[in-house]
C-alpha cells in the first residue's frame, strides 16, 4: 500500500438467513515525507535530522559548525528558510535542506583566511568598503554583531600565529597556534 492511498471497506456478515452489509468506511494510508540535509561547504560542520517522517510530524534539523566555521542559515533551493542552527517544522512535503557555514575571518569568501581578508575587514570598519550580508558573517570575527577594527586585528594576529580568543584558521601556522 503506497502512502496516501485511499481505501474503502465494507464489513459483510454472512449467516444462515442471508447477508448483513455494514456501512462503507474509507481510510487512507499514512503519507510520509523525506527530509534530506546537506552541509555547505562539506568541511563546514555537520547537520542532523534527515529521515522519513509521517505527515504532520514535527521535524527538527540541527546544524553544528566545525572548528573555524560559523553557521549562517538553512536554505532550500537556494532560498533562506531559517537563520538559527535548529530548525523546527511540520512534515508536509519532501524537503532538501542545506546548512550553510562560513570560515571565520574569510571576509572575501575565497575559502582561505589571509591578509586580503584582514585588509577588507579593516576597510569595511573604516567605511571604505561595503560588505554584502554573506561577507559580514565571517568578517564579524568576534561575533559581537559589528564589523570593526577589532575583527581586523584578530585576523591579523591569527595570521601572525598569535593566540586569539576565537577559532580562526589561516592554515599558515604550526599546529596548535593561531
C-alpha atoms as a PDB file:
ATOM      1  CA  UNK A   1       0.000   0.000   0.000  1.00  0.00           C
ATOM      2  CA  UNK A   2       1.657   3.230  -1.080  1.00  0.00           C
ATOM      3  CA  UNK A   3       1.430   6.099   1.452  1.00  0.00           C
ATOM      4  CA  UNK A   4      -1.522   8.397   0.890  1.00  0.00           C
ATOM      5  CA  UNK A   5      -3.626   5.751  -0.902  1.00  0.00           C
ATOM      6  CA  UNK A   6      -7.349   5.828  -0.119  1.00  0.00           C
ATOM      7  CA  UNK A   7      -9.145   2.528   0.530  1.00  0.00           C
ATOM      8  CA  UNK A   8     -12.811   1.711   1.101  1.00  0.00           C
ATOM      9  CA  UNK A   9     -14.023  -1.161   3.221  1.00  0.00           C
ATOM     10  CA  UNK A  10     -17.437  -2.597   3.962  1.00  0.00           C
ATOM     11  CA  UNK A  11     -17.963  -5.305   6.530  1.00  0.00           C
ATOM     12  CA  UNK A  12     -20.263  -8.124   5.494  1.00  0.00           C
ATOM     13  CA  UNK A  13     -21.722 -10.670   7.888  1.00  0.00           C
ATOM     14  CA  UNK A  14     -22.877 -13.914   6.362  1.00  0.00           C
ATOM     15  CA  UNK A  15     -25.313 -16.049   8.341  1.00  0.00           C
ATOM     16  CA  UNK A  16     -27.911 -18.720   7.630  1.00  0.00           C
ATOM     17  CA  UNK A  17     -30.592 -16.192   6.860  1.00  0.00           C
ATOM     18  CA  UNK A  18     -28.546 -14.136   4.404  1.00  0.00           C
ATOM     19  CA  UNK A  19     -26.089 -11.285   4.468  1.00  0.00           C
ATOM     20  CA  UNK A  20     -25.859  -8.124   6.501  1.00  0.00           C
ATOM     21  CA  UNK A  21     -23.867  -5.320   4.915  1.00  0.00           C
ATOM     22  CA  UNK A  22     -22.226  -2.773   7.177  1.00  0.00           C
ATOM     23  CA  UNK A  23     -21.702   0.821   6.180  1.00  0.00           C
ATOM     24  CA  UNK A  24     -18.813   1.602   3.898  1.00  0.00           C
ATOM     25  CA  UNK A  25     -15.747   3.091   5.607  1.00  0.00           C
ATOM     26  CA  UNK A  26     -12.917   4.967   3.980  1.00  0.00           C
ATOM     27  CA  UNK A  27      -9.358   5.137   5.227  1.00  0.00           C
ATOM     28  CA  UNK A  28      -6.060   6.409   3.925  1.00  0.00           C
ATOM     29  CA  UNK A  29      -2.601   5.020   4.480  1.00  0.00           C
ATOM     30  CA  UNK A  30      -0.240   7.399   6.248  1.00  0.00           C
ATOM     31  CA  UNK A  31       1.576   9.834   3.965  1.00  0.00           C
ATOM     32  CA  UNK A  32       5.296  10.083   4.683  1.00  0.00           C
ATOM     33  CA  UNK A  33       7.837  12.666   3.612  1.00  0.00           C
ATOM     34  CA  UNK A  34      11.608  12.545   3.254  1.00  0.00           C
ATOM     35  CA  UNK A  35      13.839  15.245   4.690  1.00  0.00           C
ATOM     36  CA  UNK A  36      17.377  15.468   3.317  1.00  0.00           C
ATOM     37  CA  UNK A  37      20.046  17.621   4.983  1.00  0.00           C
ATOM     38  CA  UNK A  38      23.356  18.639   3.434  1.00  0.00           C
ATOM     39  CA  UNK A  39      26.236  20.853   4.521  1.00  0.00           C
ATOM     40  CA  UNK A  40      27.887  23.632   2.502  1.00  0.00           C
ATOM     41  CA  UNK A  41      30.848  23.666   2.383  1.00  0.00           C
ATOM     42  CA  UNK A  42      31.264  19.963   3.243  1.00  0.00           C
ATOM     43  CA  UNK A  43      34.070  20.788   5.720  1.00  0.00           C
ATOM     44  CA  UNK A  44      31.949  23.455   7.447  1.00  0.00           C
ATOM     45  CA  UNK A  45      30.244  21.245  10.005  1.00  0.00           C
ATOM     46  CA  UNK A  46      27.522  18.660  10.405  1.00  0.00           C
ATOM     47  CA  UNK A  47      23.750  18.564  10.054  1.00  0.00           C
ATOM     48  CA  UNK A  48      21.358  16.117  11.712  1.00  0.00           C
ATOM     49  CA  UNK A  49      17.661  15.350  11.341  1.00  0.00           C
ATOM     50  CA  UNK A  50      17.441  13.735   7.914  1.00  0.00           C
ATOM     51  CA  UNK A  51      14.927  10.912   7.599  1.00  0.00           C
ATOM     52  CA  UNK A  52      11.411   9.873   6.717  1.00  0.00           C
ATOM     53  CA  UNK A  53       8.558  11.367   8.730  1.00  0.00           C
ATOM     54  CA  UNK A  54       4.784  10.851   8.791  1.00  0.00           C
ATOM     55  CA  UNK A  55       2.568  13.708   7.655  1.00  0.00           C
ATOM     56  CA  UNK A  56       2.343  16.420  10.310  1.00  0.00           C
ATOM     57  CA  UNK A  57       5.239  15.158  12.443  1.00  0.00           C
ATOM     58  CA  UNK A  58       7.397  17.886  13.966  1.00  0.00           C
ATOM     59  CA  UNK A  59      10.877  17.657  12.467  1.00  0.00           C
ATOM     60  CA  UNK A  60      13.997  19.204  13.991  1.00  0.00           C
ATOM     61  CA  UNK A  61      17.120  19.636  11.909  1.00  0.00           C
ATOM     62  CA  UNK A  62      20.253  20.857  13.655  1.00  0.00           C
ATOM     63  CA  UNK A  63      23.487  22.288  12.268  1.00  0.00           C
ATOM     64  CA  UNK A  64      26.758  22.202  14.195  1.00  0.00           C
ATOM     65  CA  UNK A  65      29.726  24.190  12.891  1.00  0.00           C
ATOM     66  CA  UNK A  66      33.151  22.625  12.656  1.00  0.00           C
ATOM     67  CA  UNK A  67      36.279  24.201  14.106  1.00  0.00           C
ATOM     68  CA  UNK A  68      36.932  27.591  12.466  1.00  0.00           C
ATOM     69  CA  UNK A  69      33.435  27.758  10.934  1.00  0.00           C
ATOM     70  CA  UNK A  70      30.269  29.653  11.821  1.00  0.00           C
ATOM     71  CA  UNK A  71      26.690  28.674  10.949  1.00  0.00           C
ATOM     72  CA  UNK A  72      24.953  31.116   8.572  1.00  0.00           C
ATOM     73  CA  UNK A  73      21.499  29.741   7.700  1.00  0.00           C
ATOM     74  CA  UNK A  74      19.341  26.941   6.316  1.00  0.00           C
ATOM     75  CA  UNK A  75      18.428  27.201   2.637  1.00  0.00           C
ATOM     76  CA  UNK A  76      16.199  25.238   0.296  1.00  0.00           C
ATOM     77  CA  UNK A  77      16.617  25.597  -3.463  1.00  0.00           C
ATOM     78  CA  UNK A  78      18.995  28.491  -2.749  1.00  0.00           C
ATOM     79  CA  UNK A  79      16.464  30.465  -0.679  1.00  0.00           C
ATOM     80  CA  UNK A  80      16.931  31.100   3.042  1.00  0.00           C
ATOM     81  CA  UNK A  81      14.277  29.320   5.110  1.00  0.00           C
ATOM     82  CA  UNK A  82      15.703  29.691   8.630  1.00  0.00           C
ATOM     83  CA  UNK A  83      18.562  31.601  10.292  1.00  0.00           C
ATOM     84  CA  UNK A  84      19.034  29.586  13.521  1.00  0.00           C
ATOM     85  CA  UNK A  85      21.063  26.375  13.754  1.00  0.00           C
ATOM     86  CA  UNK A  86      17.976  24.456  14.970  1.00  0.00           C
ATOM     87  CA  UNK A  87      15.024  24.469  12.610  1.00  0.00           C
ATOM     88  CA  UNK A  88      11.619  23.012  13.586  1.00  0.00           C
ATOM     89  CA  UNK A  89       8.855  22.467  11.043  1.00  0.00           C
ATOM     90  CA  UNK A  90       5.908  20.171  10.350  1.00  0.00           C
ATOM     91  CA  UNK A  91       6.424  17.434   7.756  1.00  0.00           C
ATOM     92  CA  UNK A  92       4.028  18.352   4.946  1.00  0.00           C
ATOM     93  CA  UNK A  93       6.277  17.815   1.910  1.00  0.00           C
ATOM     94  CA  UNK A  94       9.645  16.368   0.966  1.00  0.00           C
ATOM     95  CA  UNK A  95      12.424  18.799   1.949  1.00  0.00           C
ATOM     96  CA  UNK A  96      16.007  19.192   0.722  1.00  0.00           C
ATOM     97  CA  UNK A  97      17.731  21.496   3.206  1.00  0.00           C
ATOM     98  CA  UNK A  98      21.270  22.877   3.190  1.00  0.00           C
ATOM     99  CA  UNK A  99      23.082  24.017   6.340  1.00  0.00           C
ATOM    100  CA  UNK A 100      25.401  26.832   5.254  1.00  0.00           C
ATOM    101  CA  UNK A 101      28.628  27.662   7.073  1.00  0.00           C
ATOM    102  CA  UNK A 102      31.433  30.184   6.543  1.00  0.00           C
ATOM    103  CA  UNK A 103      35.080  30.122   7.512  1.00  0.00           C
ATOM    104  CA  UNK A 104      35.585  32.609  10.364  1.00  0.00           C
ATOM    105  CA  UNK A 105      37.646  35.544   9.069  1.00  0.00           C
ATOM    106  CA  UNK A 106      37.198  34.718   5.362  1.00  0.00           C
ATOM    107  CA  UNK A 107      35.571  38.068   4.534  1.00  0.00           C
ATOM    108  CA  UNK A 108      36.209  37.821   0.776  1.00  0.00           C
ATOM    109  CA  UNK A 109      34.722  34.287   0.718  1.00  0.00           C
ATOM    110  CA  UNK A 110      37.588  32.732  -1.241  1.00  0.00           C
ATOM    111  CA  UNK A 111      37.963  29.764   1.125  1.00  0.00           C
ATOM    112  CA  UNK A 112      41.146  30.899   2.905  1.00  0.00           C
ATOM    113  CA  UNK A 113      41.901  33.392   5.653  1.00  0.00           C
ATOM    114  CA  UNK A 114      44.761  35.642   4.617  1.00  0.00           C
ATOM    115  CA  UNK A 115      45.981  39.247   4.647  1.00  0.00           C
ATOM    116  CA  UNK A 116      43.402  40.197   1.984  1.00  0.00           C
ATOM    117  CA  UNK A 117      40.650  39.378   4.488  1.00  0.00           C
ATOM    118  CA  UNK A 118      42.268  41.471   7.234  1.00  0.00           C
ATOM    119  CA  UNK A 119      42.601  44.362   4.778  1.00  0.00           C
ATOM    120  CA  UNK A 120      38.968  44.058   3.602  1.00  0.00           C
ATOM    121  CA  UNK A 121      37.622  43.958   7.172  1.00  0.00           C
ATOM    122  CA  UNK A 122      39.743  47.000   8.093  1.00  0.00           C
ATOM    123  CA  UNK A 123      38.440  48.903   5.043  1.00  0.00           C
ATOM    124  CA  UNK A 124      34.850  47.964   5.910  1.00  0.00           C
ATOM    125  CA  UNK A 125      35.350  49.091   9.515  1.00  0.00           C
ATOM    126  CA  UNK A 126      36.625  52.449   8.268  1.00  0.00           C
ATOM    127  CA  UNK A 127      33.728  52.848   5.818  1.00  0.00           C
ATOM    128  CA  UNK A 128      35.979  52.463   2.772  1.00  0.00           C
ATOM    129  CA  UNK A 129      34.408  49.203   1.575  1.00  0.00           C
ATOM    130  CA  UNK A 130      30.926  47.733   1.770  1.00  0.00           C
ATOM    131  CA  UNK A 131      30.337  44.111   2.729  1.00  0.00           C
ATOM    132  CA  UNK A 132      27.398  42.083   1.441  1.00  0.00           C
ATOM    133  CA  UNK A 133      25.498  40.023   4.026  1.00  0.00           C
ATOM    134  CA  UNK A 134      27.365  36.784   3.248  1.00  0.00           C
ATOM    135  CA  UNK A 135      30.642  38.640   3.883  1.00  0.00           C
ATOM    136  CA  UNK A 136      29.559  40.249   7.156  1.00  0.00           C
ATOM    137  CA  UNK A 137      29.076  36.896   8.912  1.00  0.00           C
ATOM    138  CA  UNK A 138      32.707  35.733   8.601  1.00  0.00           C
ATOM    139  CA  UNK A 139      34.040  39.320   8.894  1.00  0.00           C
ATOM    140  CA  UNK A 140      32.451  39.691  12.353  1.00  0.00           C
ATOM    141  CA  UNK A 141      35.212  37.510  13.782  1.00  0.00           C
ATOM    142  CA  UNK A 142      34.450  38.102  17.462  1.00  0.00           C
ATOM    143  CA  UNK A 143      30.695  37.603  16.898  1.00  0.00           C
ATOM    144  CA  UNK A 144      29.617  40.854  18.558  1.00  0.00           C
ATOM    145  CA  UNK A 145      27.328  41.835  15.664  1.00  0.00           C
ATOM    146  CA  UNK A 146      29.597  44.620  14.389  1.00  0.00           C
ATOM    147  CA  UNK A 147      32.381  44.509  11.807  1.00  0.00           C
ATOM    148  CA  UNK A 148      35.061  46.754  13.272  1.00  0.00           C
ATOM    149  CA  UNK A 149      38.798  47.249  13.691  1.00  0.00           C
ATOM    150  CA  UNK A 150      38.832  44.634  16.478  1.00  0.00           C
ATOM    151  CA  UNK A 151      37.810  41.998  13.906  1.00  0.00           C
ATOM    152  CA  UNK A 152      40.595  43.048  11.511  1.00  0.00           C
ATOM    153  CA  UNK A 153      43.056  42.949  14.420  1.00  0.00           C
ATOM    154  CA  UNK A 154      42.030  39.376  15.332  1.00  0.00           C
ATOM    155  CA  UNK A 155      42.574  38.207  11.754  1.00  0.00           C
ATOM    156  CA  UNK A 156      45.988  39.915  11.642  1.00  0.00           C
ATOM    157  CA  UNK A 157      47.019  38.341  14.953  1.00  0.00           C
ATOM    158  CA  UNK A 158      45.939  34.886  13.756  1.00  0.00           C
ATOM    159  CA  UNK A 159      47.975  35.397  10.563  1.00  0.00           C
ATOM    160  CA  UNK A 160      50.995  36.155  12.777  1.00  0.00           C
ATOM    161  CA  UNK A 161      50.287  32.854  14.585  1.00  0.00           C
ATOM    162  CA  UNK A 162      49.475  34.670  17.815  1.00  0.00           C
ATOM    163  CA  UNK A 163      46.865  33.080  20.077  1.00  0.00           C
ATOM    164  CA  UNK A 164      43.407  34.589  19.571  1.00  0.00           C
ATOM    165  CA  UNK A 165      40.221  34.001  21.613  1.00  0.00           C
ATOM    166  CA  UNK A 166      38.193  32.815  18.594  1.00  0.00           C
ATOM    167  CA  UNK A 167      38.857  29.928  16.208  1.00  0.00           C
ATOM    168  CA  UNK A 168      40.494  31.469  13.134  1.00  0.00           C
ATOM    169  CA  UNK A 169      42.305  29.032  10.860  1.00  0.00           C
ATOM    170  CA  UNK A 170      44.635  30.796   8.456  1.00  0.00           C
ATOM    171  CA  UNK A 171      46.332  27.497   7.585  1.00  0.00           C
ATOM    172  CA  UNK A 172      49.819  29.042   7.766  1.00  0.00           C
ATOM    173  CA  UNK A 173      50.618  28.428  11.445  1.00  0.00           C
ATOM    174  CA  UNK A 174      52.210  25.378  13.057  1.00  0.00           C
ATOM    175  CA  UNK A 175      49.631  23.096  14.638  1.00  0.00           C
ATOM    176  CA  UNK A 176      48.280  24.407  17.929  1.00  0.00           C
ATOM    177  CA  UNK A 177      48.988  28.059  17.116  1.00  0.00           C
ATOM    178  CA  UNK A 178      46.808  30.780  15.590  1.00  0.00           C
END
